Amino acid sequence: MNEGVIIINDAEFENVVLKAEQPVLVYFWASWCGPCQLMSPLINLAAKTYGDRLKIVKMEIDPNPTTVKHYQVEGVPALRLIKDRELLESIEGVIGKDKLLSFLDKHLNGN
C-alpha cells in the first residue's frame, strides 16, 4: 500500500529517523485530515522517485505527541526533512507535486 514509506511511532523515531545514514522525510498526518488524503499519493511518489537517496516515514500525529511536540507540528499535513539529527527544512500544509519534488531536489542533489 505505502510502497517505500515506513510507518513509525514515537518509540521508533530515534532508531529509524535520527540514526539514519541518509536524509529522512517525516510526513506527519492524521486520519481525520482531508488534506492529508491529498498528500499521501505524493508521498508515495516521492518514495518511489527518491528511495535510493532518501528514507520516507509516515507518523500519525494523535498517537505520537512526543515527536509532534518536539518538531513543533502545528498543522497537518506537515513535512520535516532531517539529516544527521538536524532539521533541514519544514513545510506545513498541502503542497503540489512540483513543490514537493523541488523541495527534495534542493536538499538531495549532490548527496
PDB file of N, CA and C in Angstrom:
ATOM      1  N   MET A   1       0.830  -1.204   0.000  1.00  0.00           N
ATOM      2  CA  MET A   1       0.000   0.000   0.000  1.00  0.00           C
ATOM      3  C   MET A   1       0.866   1.257   0.000  1.00  0.00           C
ATOM      4  N   ASN A   2       1.745   1.386   0.985  1.00  0.00           N
ATOM      5  CA  ASN A   2       2.652   2.542   1.040  1.00  0.00           C
ATOM      6  C   ASN A   2       4.038   2.076   0.641  1.00  0.00           C
ATOM      7  N   GLU A   3       4.225   1.843  -0.634  1.00  0.00           N
ATOM      8  CA  GLU A   3       5.480   1.301  -1.123  1.00  0.00           C
ATOM      9  C   GLU A   3       6.643   2.241  -0.818  1.00  0.00           C
ATOM     10  N   GLY A   4       7.577   1.749  -0.006  1.00  0.00           N
ATOM     11  CA  GLY A   4       8.746   2.553   0.318  1.00  0.00           C
ATOM     12  C   GLY A   4       8.549   3.516   1.477  1.00  0.00           C
ATOM     13  N   VAL A   5       7.332   3.632   1.986  1.00  0.00           N
ATOM     14  CA  VAL A   5       7.056   4.531   3.102  1.00  0.00           C
ATOM     15  C   VAL A   5       6.947   3.687   4.370  1.00  0.00           C
ATOM     16  N   ILE A   6       7.710   4.067   5.387  1.00  0.00           N
ATOM     17  CA  ILE A   6       7.747   3.323   6.645  1.00  0.00           C
ATOM     18  C   ILE A   6       6.852   4.026   7.658  1.00  0.00           C
ATOM     19  N   ILE A   7       5.940   3.293   8.265  1.00  0.00           N
ATOM     20  CA  ILE A   7       5.064   3.866   9.289  1.00  0.00           C
ATOM     21  C   ILE A   7       5.745   3.669  10.641  1.00  0.00           C
ATOM     22  N   ILE A   8       5.916   4.772  11.372  1.00  0.00           N
ATOM     23  CA  ILE A   8       6.621   4.706  12.657  1.00  0.00           C
ATOM     24  C   ILE A   8       5.810   5.381  13.764  1.00  0.00           C
ATOM     25  N   ASN A   9       6.306   5.204  15.014  1.00  0.00           N
ATOM     26  CA  ASN A   9       5.703   5.862  16.170  1.00  0.00           C
ATOM     27  C   ASN A   9       6.806   6.524  16.998  1.00  0.00           C
ATOM     28  N   ASP A  10       6.405   7.184  18.079  1.00  0.00           N
ATOM     29  CA  ASP A  10       7.367   7.891  18.930  1.00  0.00           C
ATOM     30  C   ASP A  10       8.538   6.989  19.351  1.00  0.00           C
ATOM     31  N   ALA A  11       8.227   5.756  19.745  1.00  0.00           N
ATOM     32  CA  ALA A  11       9.262   4.858  20.260  1.00  0.00           C
ATOM     33  C   ALA A  11      10.295   4.488  19.197  1.00  0.00           C
ATOM     34  N   GLU A  12       9.898   4.486  17.946  1.00  0.00           N
ATOM     35  CA  GLU A  12      10.800   4.096  16.861  1.00  0.00           C
ATOM     36  C   GLU A  12      11.559   5.278  16.256  1.00  0.00           C
ATOM     37  N   PHE A  13      11.163   6.488  16.599  1.00  0.00           N
ATOM     38  CA  PHE A  13      11.682   7.678  15.921  1.00  0.00           C
ATOM     39  C   PHE A  13      13.202   7.783  15.967  1.00  0.00           C
ATOM     40  N   GLU A  14      13.793   7.592  17.123  1.00  0.00           N
ATOM     41  CA  GLU A  14      15.248   7.762  17.216  1.00  0.00           C
ATOM     42  C   GLU A  14      15.988   6.779  16.320  1.00  0.00           C
ATOM     43  N   ASN A  15      15.639   5.494  16.418  1.00  0.00           N
ATOM     44  CA  ASN A  15      16.342   4.491  15.613  1.00  0.00           C
ATOM     45  C   ASN A  15      16.100   4.650  14.121  1.00  0.00           C
ATOM     46  N   VAL A  16      14.861   4.904  13.734  1.00  0.00           N
ATOM     47  CA  VAL A  16      14.517   4.951  12.313  1.00  0.00           C
ATOM     48  C   VAL A  16      14.910   6.277  11.667  1.00  0.00           C
ATOM     49  N   VAL A  17      14.728   7.386  12.384  1.00  0.00           N
ATOM     50  CA  VAL A  17      14.966   8.704  11.790  1.00  0.00           C
ATOM     51  C   VAL A  17      16.313   9.293  12.211  1.00  0.00           C
ATOM     52  N   LEU A  18      16.527   9.452  13.482  1.00  0.00           N
ATOM     53  CA  LEU A  18      17.715  10.164  13.947  1.00  0.00           C
ATOM     54  C   LEU A  18      19.013   9.402  13.700  1.00  0.00           C
ATOM     55  N   LYS A  19      18.952   8.074  13.684  1.00  0.00           N
ATOM     56  CA  LYS A  19      20.158   7.277  13.451  1.00  0.00           C
ATOM     57  C   LYS A  19      20.306   6.858  11.989  1.00  0.00           C
ATOM     58  N   ALA A  20      19.453   7.366  11.119  1.00  0.00           N
ATOM     59  CA  ALA A  20      19.518   7.007   9.698  1.00  0.00           C
ATOM     60  C   ALA A  20      20.784   7.566   9.064  1.00  0.00           C
ATOM     61  N   GLU A  21      21.333   6.815   8.129  1.00  0.00           N
ATOM     62  CA  GLU A  21      22.539   7.254   7.436  1.00  0.00           C
ATOM     63  C   GLU A  21      22.220   8.172   6.264  1.00  0.00           C
ATOM     64  N   GLN A  22      20.966   8.212   5.846  1.00  0.00           N
ATOM     65  CA  GLN A  22      20.567   9.077   4.745  1.00  0.00           C
ATOM     66  C   GLN A  22      19.526  10.075   5.249  1.00  0.00           C
ATOM     67  N   PRO A  23      19.244  11.118   4.485  1.00  0.00           N
ATOM     68  CA  PRO A  23      18.204  12.058   4.912  1.00  0.00           C
ATOM     69  C   PRO A  23      16.863  11.338   5.063  1.00  0.00           C
ATOM     70  N   VAL A  24      16.026  11.865   5.957  1.00  0.00           N
ATOM     71  CA  VAL A  24      14.708  11.276   6.203  1.00  0.00           C
ATOM     72  C   VAL A  24      13.642  12.356   6.069  1.00  0.00           C
ATOM     73  N   LEU A  25      12.642  12.062   5.272  1.00  0.00           N
ATOM     74  CA  LEU A  25      11.477  12.933   5.165  1.00  0.00           C
ATOM     75  C   LEU A  25      10.403  12.354   6.078  1.00  0.00           C
ATOM     76  N   VAL A  26      10.010  13.122   7.091  1.00  0.00           N
ATOM     77  CA  VAL A  26       8.967  12.683   8.016  1.00  0.00           C
ATOM     78  C   VAL A  26       7.670  13.353   7.597  1.00  0.00           C
ATOM     79  N   TYR A  27       6.672  12.546   7.310  1.00  0.00           N
ATOM     80  CA  TYR A  27       5.353  13.015   6.886  1.00  0.00           C
ATOM     81  C   TYR A  27       4.404  12.841   8.063  1.00  0.00           C
ATOM     82  N   PHE A  28       3.993  13.957   8.652  1.00  0.00           N
ATOM     83  CA  PHE A  28       3.041  13.945   9.761  1.00  0.00           C
ATOM     84  C   PHE A  28       1.635  14.080   9.191  1.00  0.00           C
ATOM     85  N   TRP A  29       0.728  13.242   9.654  1.00  0.00           N
ATOM     86  CA  TRP A  29      -0.631  13.223   9.117  1.00  0.00           C
ATOM     87  C   TRP A  29      -1.623  12.843  10.216  1.00  0.00           C
ATOM     88  N   ALA A  30      -2.897  12.909   9.883  1.00  0.00           N
ATOM     89  CA  ALA A  30      -3.962  12.482  10.803  1.00  0.00           C
ATOM     90  C   ALA A  30      -5.065  11.814   9.984  1.00  0.00           C
ATOM     91  N   SER A  31      -5.704  10.826  10.579  1.00  0.00           N
ATOM     92  CA  SER A  31      -6.759  10.086   9.876  1.00  0.00           C
ATOM     93  C   SER A  31      -7.966  10.971   9.570  1.00  0.00           C
ATOM     94  N   TRP A  32      -8.181  11.998  10.385  1.00  0.00           N
ATOM     95  CA  TRP A  32      -9.335  12.894  10.209  1.00  0.00           C
ATOM     96  C   TRP A  32      -9.032  14.065   9.277  1.00  0.00           C
ATOM     97  N   CYS A  33      -7.825  14.115   8.732  1.00  0.00           N
ATOM     98  CA  CYS A  33      -7.356  15.252   7.937  1.00  0.00           C
ATOM     99  C   CYS A  33      -7.597  15.019   6.446  1.00  0.00           C
ATOM    100  N   GLY A  34      -8.556  15.752   5.887  1.00  0.00           N
ATOM    101  CA  GLY A  34      -8.848  15.646   4.459  1.00  0.00           C
ATOM    102  C   GLY A  34      -7.664  15.980   3.572  1.00  0.00           C
ATOM    103  N   PRO A  35      -6.976  17.110   3.821  1.00  0.00           N
ATOM    104  CA  PRO A  35      -5.813  17.445   3.003  1.00  0.00           C
ATOM    105  C   PRO A  35      -4.708  16.376   3.046  1.00  0.00           C
ATOM    106  N   CYS A  36      -4.628  15.639   4.155  1.00  0.00           N
ATOM    107  CA  CYS A  36      -3.622  14.568   4.241  1.00  0.00           C
ATOM    108  C   CYS A  36      -3.897  13.486   3.202  1.00  0.00           C
ATOM    109  N   GLN A  37      -5.177  13.250   2.918  1.00  0.00           N
ATOM    110  CA  GLN A  37      -5.527  12.260   1.904  1.00  0.00           C
ATOM    111  C   GLN A  37      -4.999  12.683   0.537  1.00  0.00           C
ATOM    112  N   LEU A  38      -4.956  13.990   0.285  1.00  0.00           N
ATOM    113  CA  LEU A  38      -4.431  14.505  -0.975  1.00  0.00           C
ATOM    114  C   LEU A  38      -2.907  14.345  -1.068  1.00  0.00           C
ATOM    115  N   MET A  39      -2.246  14.428   0.063  1.00  0.00           N
ATOM    116  CA  MET A  39      -0.783  14.358   0.082  1.00  0.00           C
ATOM    117  C   MET A  39      -0.245  12.932   0.013  1.00  0.00           C
ATOM    118  N   SER A  40      -1.005  11.957   0.480  1.00  0.00           N
ATOM    119  CA  SER A  40      -0.497  10.581   0.543  1.00  0.00           C
ATOM    120  C   SER A  40       0.035  10.060  -0.787  1.00  0.00           C
ATOM    121  N   PRO A  41      -0.679  10.262  -1.923  1.00  0.00           N
ATOM    122  CA  PRO A  41      -0.117   9.779  -3.192  1.00  0.00           C
ATOM    123  C   PRO A  41       1.201  10.461  -3.549  1.00  0.00           C
ATOM    124  N   LEU A  42       1.354  11.731  -3.185  1.00  0.00           N
ATOM    125  CA  LEU A  42       2.617  12.435  -3.458  1.00  0.00           C
ATOM    126  C   LEU A  42       3.760  11.885  -2.611  1.00  0.00           C
ATOM    127  N   ILE A  43       3.446  11.525  -1.379  1.00  0.00           N
ATOM    128  CA  ILE A  43       4.467  10.948  -0.502  1.00  0.00           C
ATOM    129  C   ILE A  43       4.918   9.605  -1.065  1.00  0.00           C
ATOM    130  N   ASN A  44       3.964   8.822  -1.560  1.00  0.00           N
ATOM    131  CA  ASN A  44       4.310   7.537  -2.175  1.00  0.00           C
ATOM    132  C   ASN A  44       5.145   7.739  -3.438  1.00  0.00           C
ATOM    133  N   LEU A  45       4.812   8.762  -4.228  1.00  0.00           N
ATOM    134  CA  LEU A  45       5.582   9.083  -5.426  1.00  0.00           C
ATOM    135  C   LEU A  45       7.017   9.468  -5.047  1.00  0.00           C
ATOM    136  N   ALA A  46       7.156  10.268  -4.011  1.00  0.00           N
ATOM    137  CA  ALA A  46       8.491  10.673  -3.549  1.00  0.00           C
ATOM    138  C   ALA A  46       9.297   9.454  -3.113  1.00  0.00           C
ATOM    139  N   ALA A  47       8.646   8.499  -2.470  1.00  0.00           N
ATOM    140  CA  ALA A  47       9.340   7.281  -2.030  1.00  0.00           C
ATOM    141  C   ALA A  47       9.848   6.496  -3.230  1.00  0.00           C
ATOM    142  N   LYS A  48       9.048   6.418  -4.281  1.00  0.00           N
ATOM    143  CA  LYS A  48       9.471   5.695  -5.485  1.00  0.00           C
ATOM    144  C   LYS A  48      10.585   6.446  -6.211  1.00  0.00           C
ATOM    145  N   THR A  49      10.473   7.769  -6.260  1.00  0.00           N
ATOM    146  CA  THR A  49      11.420   8.589  -7.013  1.00  0.00           C
ATOM    147  C   THR A  49      12.762   8.735  -6.308  1.00  0.00           C
ATOM    148  N   TYR A  50      12.734   8.899  -4.996  1.00  0.00           N
ATOM    149  CA  TYR A  50      13.952   9.219  -4.238  1.00  0.00           C
ATOM    150  C   TYR A  50      14.386   8.109  -3.283  1.00  0.00           C
ATOM    151  N   GLY A  51      13.773   6.952  -3.383  1.00  0.00           N
ATOM    152  CA  GLY A  51      14.032   5.867  -2.438  1.00  0.00           C
ATOM    153  C   GLY A  51      15.485   5.453  -2.306  1.00  0.00           C
ATOM    154  N   ASP A  52      16.281   5.707  -3.339  1.00  0.00           N
ATOM    155  CA  ASP A  52      17.692   5.347  -3.280  1.00  0.00           C
ATOM    156  C   ASP A  52      18.523   6.350  -2.479  1.00  0.00           C
ATOM    157  N   ARG A  53      17.983   7.560  -2.272  1.00  0.00           N
ATOM    158  CA  ARG A  53      18.739   8.624  -1.591  1.00  0.00           C
ATOM    159  C   ARG A  53      18.062   9.152  -0.341  1.00  0.00           C
ATOM    160  N   LEU A  54      16.847   8.679  -0.083  1.00  0.00           N
ATOM    161  CA  LEU A  54      16.011   9.269   0.964  1.00  0.00           C
ATOM    162  C   LEU A  54      15.144   8.208   1.611  1.00  0.00           C
ATOM    163  N   LYS A  55      15.042   8.276   2.924  1.00  0.00           N
ATOM    164  CA  LYS A  55      14.100   7.422   3.647  1.00  0.00           C
ATOM    165  C   LYS A  55      12.859   8.268   3.914  1.00  0.00           C
ATOM    166  N   ILE A  56      11.689   7.686   3.710  1.00  0.00           N
ATOM    167  CA  ILE A  56      10.448   8.412   3.970  1.00  0.00           C
ATOM    168  C   ILE A  56       9.657   7.660   5.028  1.00  0.00           C
ATOM    169  N   VAL A  57       9.281   8.394   6.078  1.00  0.00           N
ATOM    170  CA  VAL A  57       8.484   7.807   7.149  1.00  0.00           C
ATOM    171  C   VAL A  57       7.192   8.591   7.327  1.00  0.00           C
ATOM    172  N   LYS A  58       6.201   7.887   7.789  1.00  0.00           N
ATOM    173  CA  LYS A  58       4.867   8.452   7.984  1.00  0.00           C
ATOM    174  C   LYS A  58       4.521   8.300   9.458  1.00  0.00           C
ATOM    175  N   MET A  59       4.104   9.397  10.075  1.00  0.00           N
ATOM    176  CA  MET A  59       3.780   9.355  11.505  1.00  0.00           C
ATOM    177  C   MET A  59       2.435  10.028  11.750  1.00  0.00           C
ATOM    178  N   GLU A  60       1.515   9.273  12.327  1.00  0.00           N
ATOM    179  CA  GLU A  60       0.210   9.830  12.678  1.00  0.00           C
ATOM    180  C   GLU A  60       0.372  10.685  13.931  1.00  0.00           C
ATOM    181  N   ILE A  61      -0.189  11.897  13.902  1.00  0.00           N
ATOM    182  CA  ILE A  61       0.090  12.841  14.985  1.00  0.00           C
ATOM    183  C   ILE A  61      -0.598  12.495  16.311  1.00  0.00           C
ATOM    184  N   ASP A  62      -1.840  12.044  16.276  1.00  0.00           N
ATOM    185  CA  ASP A  62      -2.584  11.851  17.523  1.00  0.00           C
ATOM    186  C   ASP A  62      -1.943  10.847  18.486  1.00  0.00           C
ATOM    187  N   PRO A  63      -1.483   9.672  18.021  1.00  0.00           N
ATOM    188  CA  PRO A  63      -0.872   8.732  18.967  1.00  0.00           C
ATOM    189  C   PRO A  63       0.609   8.994  19.251  1.00  0.00           C
ATOM    190  N   ASN A  64       1.181  10.045  18.686  1.00  0.00           N
ATOM    191  CA  ASN A  64       2.621  10.288  18.826  1.00  0.00           C
ATOM    192  C   ASN A  64       2.931  11.720  19.265  1.00  0.00           C
ATOM    193  N   PRO A  65       2.431  12.132  20.439  1.00  0.00           N
ATOM    194  CA  PRO A  65       2.568  13.534  20.858  1.00  0.00           C
ATOM    195  C   PRO A  65       4.000  13.982  21.137  1.00  0.00           C
ATOM    196  N   THR A  66       4.885  13.088  21.518  1.00  0.00           N
ATOM    197  CA  THR A  66       6.246  13.481  21.866  1.00  0.00           C
ATOM    198  C   THR A  66       6.985  14.046  20.656  1.00  0.00           C
ATOM    199  N   THR A  67       6.966  13.319  19.562  1.00  0.00           N
ATOM    200  CA  THR A  67       7.658  13.768  18.352  1.00  0.00           C
ATOM    201  C   THR A  67       6.965  14.987  17.759  1.00  0.00           C
ATOM    202  N   VAL A  68       5.649  14.983  17.773  1.00  0.00           N
ATOM    203  CA  VAL A  68       4.879  16.118  17.248  1.00  0.00           C
ATOM    204  C   VAL A  68       5.261  17.397  17.984  1.00  0.00           C
ATOM    205  N   LYS A  69       5.354  17.321  19.309  1.00  0.00           N
ATOM    206  CA  LYS A  69       5.716  18.493  20.100  1.00  0.00           C
ATOM    207  C   LYS A  69       7.159  18.908  19.830  1.00  0.00           C
ATOM    208  N   HIS A  70       8.062  17.948  19.786  1.00  0.00           N
ATOM    209  CA  HIS A  70       9.481  18.248  19.585  1.00  0.00           C
ATOM    210  C   HIS A  70       9.721  18.963  18.251  1.00  0.00           C
ATOM    211  N   TYR A  71       9.024  18.541  17.213  1.00  0.00           N
ATOM    212  CA  TYR A  71       9.208  19.144  15.888  1.00  0.00           C
ATOM    213  C   TYR A  71       8.182  20.228  15.583  1.00  0.00           C
ATOM    214  N   GLN A  72       7.471  20.662  16.617  1.00  0.00           N
ATOM    215  CA  GLN A  72       6.547  21.801  16.548  1.00  0.00           C
ATOM    216  C   GLN A  72       5.572  21.703  15.374  1.00  0.00           C
ATOM    217  N   VAL A  73       4.958  20.534  15.252  1.00  0.00           N
ATOM    218  CA  VAL A  73       3.960  20.340  14.207  1.00  0.00           C
ATOM    219  C   VAL A  73       2.673  20.999  14.683  1.00  0.00           C
ATOM    220  N   GLU A  74       2.265  22.044  13.994  1.00  0.00           N
ATOM    221  CA  GLU A  74       1.076  22.794  14.396  1.00  0.00           C
ATOM    222  C   GLU A  74      -0.113  22.523  13.492  1.00  0.00           C
ATOM    223  N   GLY A  75       0.132  21.940  12.342  1.00  0.00           N
ATOM    224  CA  GLY A  75      -0.945  21.622  11.416  1.00  0.00           C
ATOM    225  C   GLY A  75      -0.529  20.461  10.547  1.00  0.00           C
ATOM    226  N   VAL A  76      -1.500  19.749  10.017  1.00  0.00           N
ATOM    227  CA  VAL A  76      -1.202  18.632   9.123  1.00  0.00           C
ATOM    228  C   VAL A  76      -1.912  18.849   7.799  1.00  0.00           C
ATOM    229  N   PRO A  77      -1.358  18.339   6.724  1.00  0.00           N
ATOM    230  CA  PRO A  77      -0.123  17.572   6.651  1.00  0.00           C
ATOM    231  C   PRO A  77       1.101  18.445   6.909  1.00  0.00           C
ATOM    232  N   ALA A  78       2.150  17.807   7.408  1.00  0.00           N
ATOM    233  CA  ALA A  78       3.397  18.513   7.678  1.00  0.00           C
ATOM    234  C   ALA A  78       4.567  17.637   7.276  1.00  0.00           C
ATOM    235  N   LEU A  79       5.610  18.276   6.780  1.00  0.00           N
ATOM    236  CA  LEU A  79       6.827  17.571   6.383  1.00  0.00           C
ATOM    237  C   LEU A  79       8.009  18.132   7.150  1.00  0.00           C
ATOM    238  N   ARG A  80       8.880  17.234   7.588  1.00  0.00           N
ATOM    239  CA  ARG A  80      10.133  17.631   8.221  1.00  0.00           C
ATOM    240  C   ARG A  80      11.238  16.829   7.557  1.00  0.00           C
ATOM    241  N   LEU A  81      12.233  17.520   7.037  1.00  0.00           N
ATOM    242  CA  LEU A  81      13.373  16.852   6.422  1.00  0.00           C
ATOM    243  C   LEU A  81      14.521  16.883   7.419  1.00  0.00           C
ATOM    244  N   ILE A  82      15.001  15.703   7.788  1.00  0.00           N
ATOM    245  CA  ILE A  82      16.008  15.563   8.839  1.00  0.00           C
ATOM    246  C   ILE A  82      17.203  14.799   8.295  1.00  0.00           C
ATOM    247  N   LYS A  83      18.393  15.306   8.601  1.00  0.00           N
ATOM    248  CA  LYS A  83      19.625  14.614   8.223  1.00  0.00           C
ATOM    249  C   LYS A  83      20.635  14.804   9.334  1.00  0.00           C
ATOM    250  N   ASP A  84      21.291  13.713   9.731  1.00  0.00           N
ATOM    251  CA  ASP A  84      22.307  13.760  10.792  1.00  0.00           C
ATOM    252  C   ASP A  84      21.763  14.437  12.050  1.00  0.00           C
ATOM    253  N   ARG A  85      20.539  14.061  12.428  1.00  0.00           N
ATOM    254  CA  ARG A  85      19.867  14.578  13.630  1.00  0.00           C
ATOM    255  C   ARG A  85      19.479  16.052  13.544  1.00  0.00           C
ATOM    256  N   GLU A  86      19.701  16.684  12.396  1.00  0.00           N
ATOM    257  CA  GLU A  86      19.371  18.101  12.232  1.00  0.00           C
ATOM    258  C   GLU A  86      18.142  18.273  11.360  1.00  0.00           C
ATOM    259  N   LEU A  87      17.304  19.217  11.749  1.00  0.00           N
ATOM    260  CA  LEU A  87      16.147  19.578  10.938  1.00  0.00           C
ATOM    261  C   LEU A  87      16.625  20.506   9.827  1.00  0.00           C
ATOM    262  N   LEU A  88      16.510  20.041   8.582  1.00  0.00           N
ATOM    263  CA  LEU A  88      16.965  20.848   7.447  1.00  0.00           C
ATOM    264  C   LEU A  88      15.902  21.825   6.983  1.00  0.00           C
ATOM    265  N   GLU A  89      14.645  21.344   6.956  1.00  0.00           N
ATOM    266  CA  GLU A  89      13.579  22.214   6.478  1.00  0.00           C
ATOM    267  C   GLU A  89      12.226  21.654   6.899  1.00  0.00           C
ATOM    268  N   SER A  90      11.241  22.556   6.994  1.00  0.00           N
ATOM    269  CA  SER A  90       9.876  22.198   7.383  1.00  0.00           C
ATOM    270  C   SER A  90       8.886  22.784   6.397  1.00  0.00           C
ATOM    271  N   ILE A  91       7.819  22.048   6.170  1.00  0.00           N
ATOM    272  CA  ILE A  91       6.693  22.554   5.380  1.00  0.00           C
ATOM    273  C   ILE A  91       5.421  22.103   6.078  1.00  0.00           C
ATOM    274  N   GLU A  92       4.463  23.002   6.181  1.00  0.00           N
ATOM    275  CA  GLU A  92       3.144  22.629   6.708  1.00  0.00           C
ATOM    276  C   GLU A  92       2.096  22.972   5.681  1.00  0.00           C
ATOM    277  N   GLY A  93       1.091  22.117   5.584  1.00  0.00           N
ATOM    278  CA  GLY A  93       0.008  22.324   4.639  1.00  0.00           C
ATOM    279  C   GLY A  93       0.224  21.523   3.363  1.00  0.00           C
ATOM    280  N   VAL A  94      -0.807  21.479   2.547  1.00  0.00           N
ATOM    281  CA  VAL A  94      -0.751  20.731   1.297  1.00  0.00           C
ATOM    282  C   VAL A  94       0.150  21.461   0.305  1.00  0.00           C
ATOM    283  N   ILE A  95       0.999  20.697  -0.355  1.00  0.00           N
ATOM    284  CA  ILE A  95       1.814  21.245  -1.437  1.00  0.00           C
ATOM    285  C   ILE A  95       1.614  20.362  -2.663  1.00  0.00           C
ATOM    286  N   GLY A  96       1.872  20.927  -3.815  1.00  0.00           N
ATOM    287  CA  GLY A  96       1.718  20.185  -5.054  1.00  0.00           C
ATOM    288  C   GLY A  96       2.952  19.359  -5.381  1.00  0.00           C
ATOM    289  N   LYS A  97       2.815  18.551  -6.406  1.00  0.00           N
ATOM    290  CA  LYS A  97       3.898  17.670  -6.843  1.00  0.00           C
ATOM    291  C   LYS A  97       5.166  18.457  -7.169  1.00  0.00           C
ATOM    292  N   ASP A  98       5.036  19.535  -7.942  1.00  0.00           N
ATOM    293  CA  ASP A  98       6.219  20.305  -8.336  1.00  0.00           C
ATOM    294  C   ASP A  98       6.955  20.874  -7.135  1.00  0.00           C
ATOM    295  N   LYS A  99       6.211  21.392  -6.177  1.00  0.00           N
ATOM    296  CA  LYS A  99       6.849  21.978  -4.995  1.00  0.00           C
ATOM    297  C   LYS A  99       7.533  20.894  -4.159  1.00  0.00           C
ATOM    298  N   LEU A 100       6.884  19.743  -4.016  1.00  0.00           N
ATOM    299  CA  LEU A 100       7.482  18.650  -3.250  1.00  0.00           C
ATOM    300  C   LEU A 100       8.782  18.183  -3.913  1.00  0.00           C
ATOM    301  N   LEU A 101       8.742  17.983  -5.216  1.00  0.00           N
ATOM    302  CA  LEU A 101       9.931  17.496  -5.915  1.00  0.00           C
ATOM    303  C   LEU A 101      11.060  18.522  -5.884  1.00  0.00           C
ATOM    304  N   SER A 102      10.741  19.808  -6.035  1.00  0.00           N
ATOM    305  CA  SER A 102      11.807  20.821  -5.975  1.00  0.00           C
ATOM    306  C   SER A 102      12.367  20.948  -4.550  1.00  0.00           C
ATOM    307  N   PHE A 103      11.506  20.799  -3.555  1.00  0.00           N
ATOM    308  CA  PHE A 103      11.924  20.805  -2.146  1.00  0.00           C
ATOM    309  C   PHE A 103      12.944  19.678  -1.898  1.00  0.00           C
ATOM    310  N   LEU A 104      12.638  18.490  -2.386  1.00  0.00           N
ATOM    311  CA  LEU A 104      13.533  17.359  -2.185  1.00  0.00           C
ATOM    312  C   LEU A 104      14.791  17.488  -3.039  1.00  0.00           C
ATOM    313  N   ASP A 105      14.634  17.912  -4.288  1.00  0.00           N
ATOM    314  CA  ASP A 105      15.803  18.084  -5.162  1.00  0.00           C
ATOM    315  C   ASP A 105      16.817  19.053  -4.563  1.00  0.00           C
ATOM    316  N   LYS A 106      16.312  20.114  -3.953  1.00  0.00           N
ATOM    317  CA  LYS A 106      17.179  21.139  -3.366  1.00  0.00           C
ATOM    318  C   LYS A 106      18.122  20.532  -2.328  1.00  0.00           C
ATOM    319  N   HIS A 107      17.608  19.580  -1.558  1.00  0.00           N
ATOM    320  CA  HIS A 107      18.403  19.002  -0.489  1.00  0.00           C
ATOM    321  C   HIS A 107      19.143  17.718  -0.880  1.00  0.00           C
ATOM    322  N   LEU A 108      18.680  17.065  -1.936  1.00  0.00           N
ATOM    323  CA  LEU A 108      19.260  15.756  -2.272  1.00  0.00           C
ATOM    324  C   LEU A 108      20.267  15.801  -3.409  1.00  0.00           C
ATOM    325  N   ASN A 109      20.200  16.807  -4.245  1.00  0.00           N
ATOM    326  CA  ASN A 109      21.168  16.859  -5.346  1.00  0.00           C
ATOM    327  C   ASN A 109      22.565  17.033  -4.799  1.00  0.00           C
ATOM    328  N   GLY A 110      23.428  16.177  -5.248  1.00  0.00           N
ATOM    329  CA  GLY A 110      24.810  16.227  -4.770  1.00  0.00           C
ATOM    330  C   GLY A 110      25.069  15.367  -3.554  1.00  0.00           C
ATOM    331  N   ASN A 111      24.014  14.754  -2.982  1.00  0.00           N
ATOM    332  CA  ASN A 111      24.219  13.881  -1.802  1.00  0.00           C
ATOM    333  C   ASN A 111      24.538  12.475  -2.238  1.00  0.00           C
TER     334      ASN A 111
END
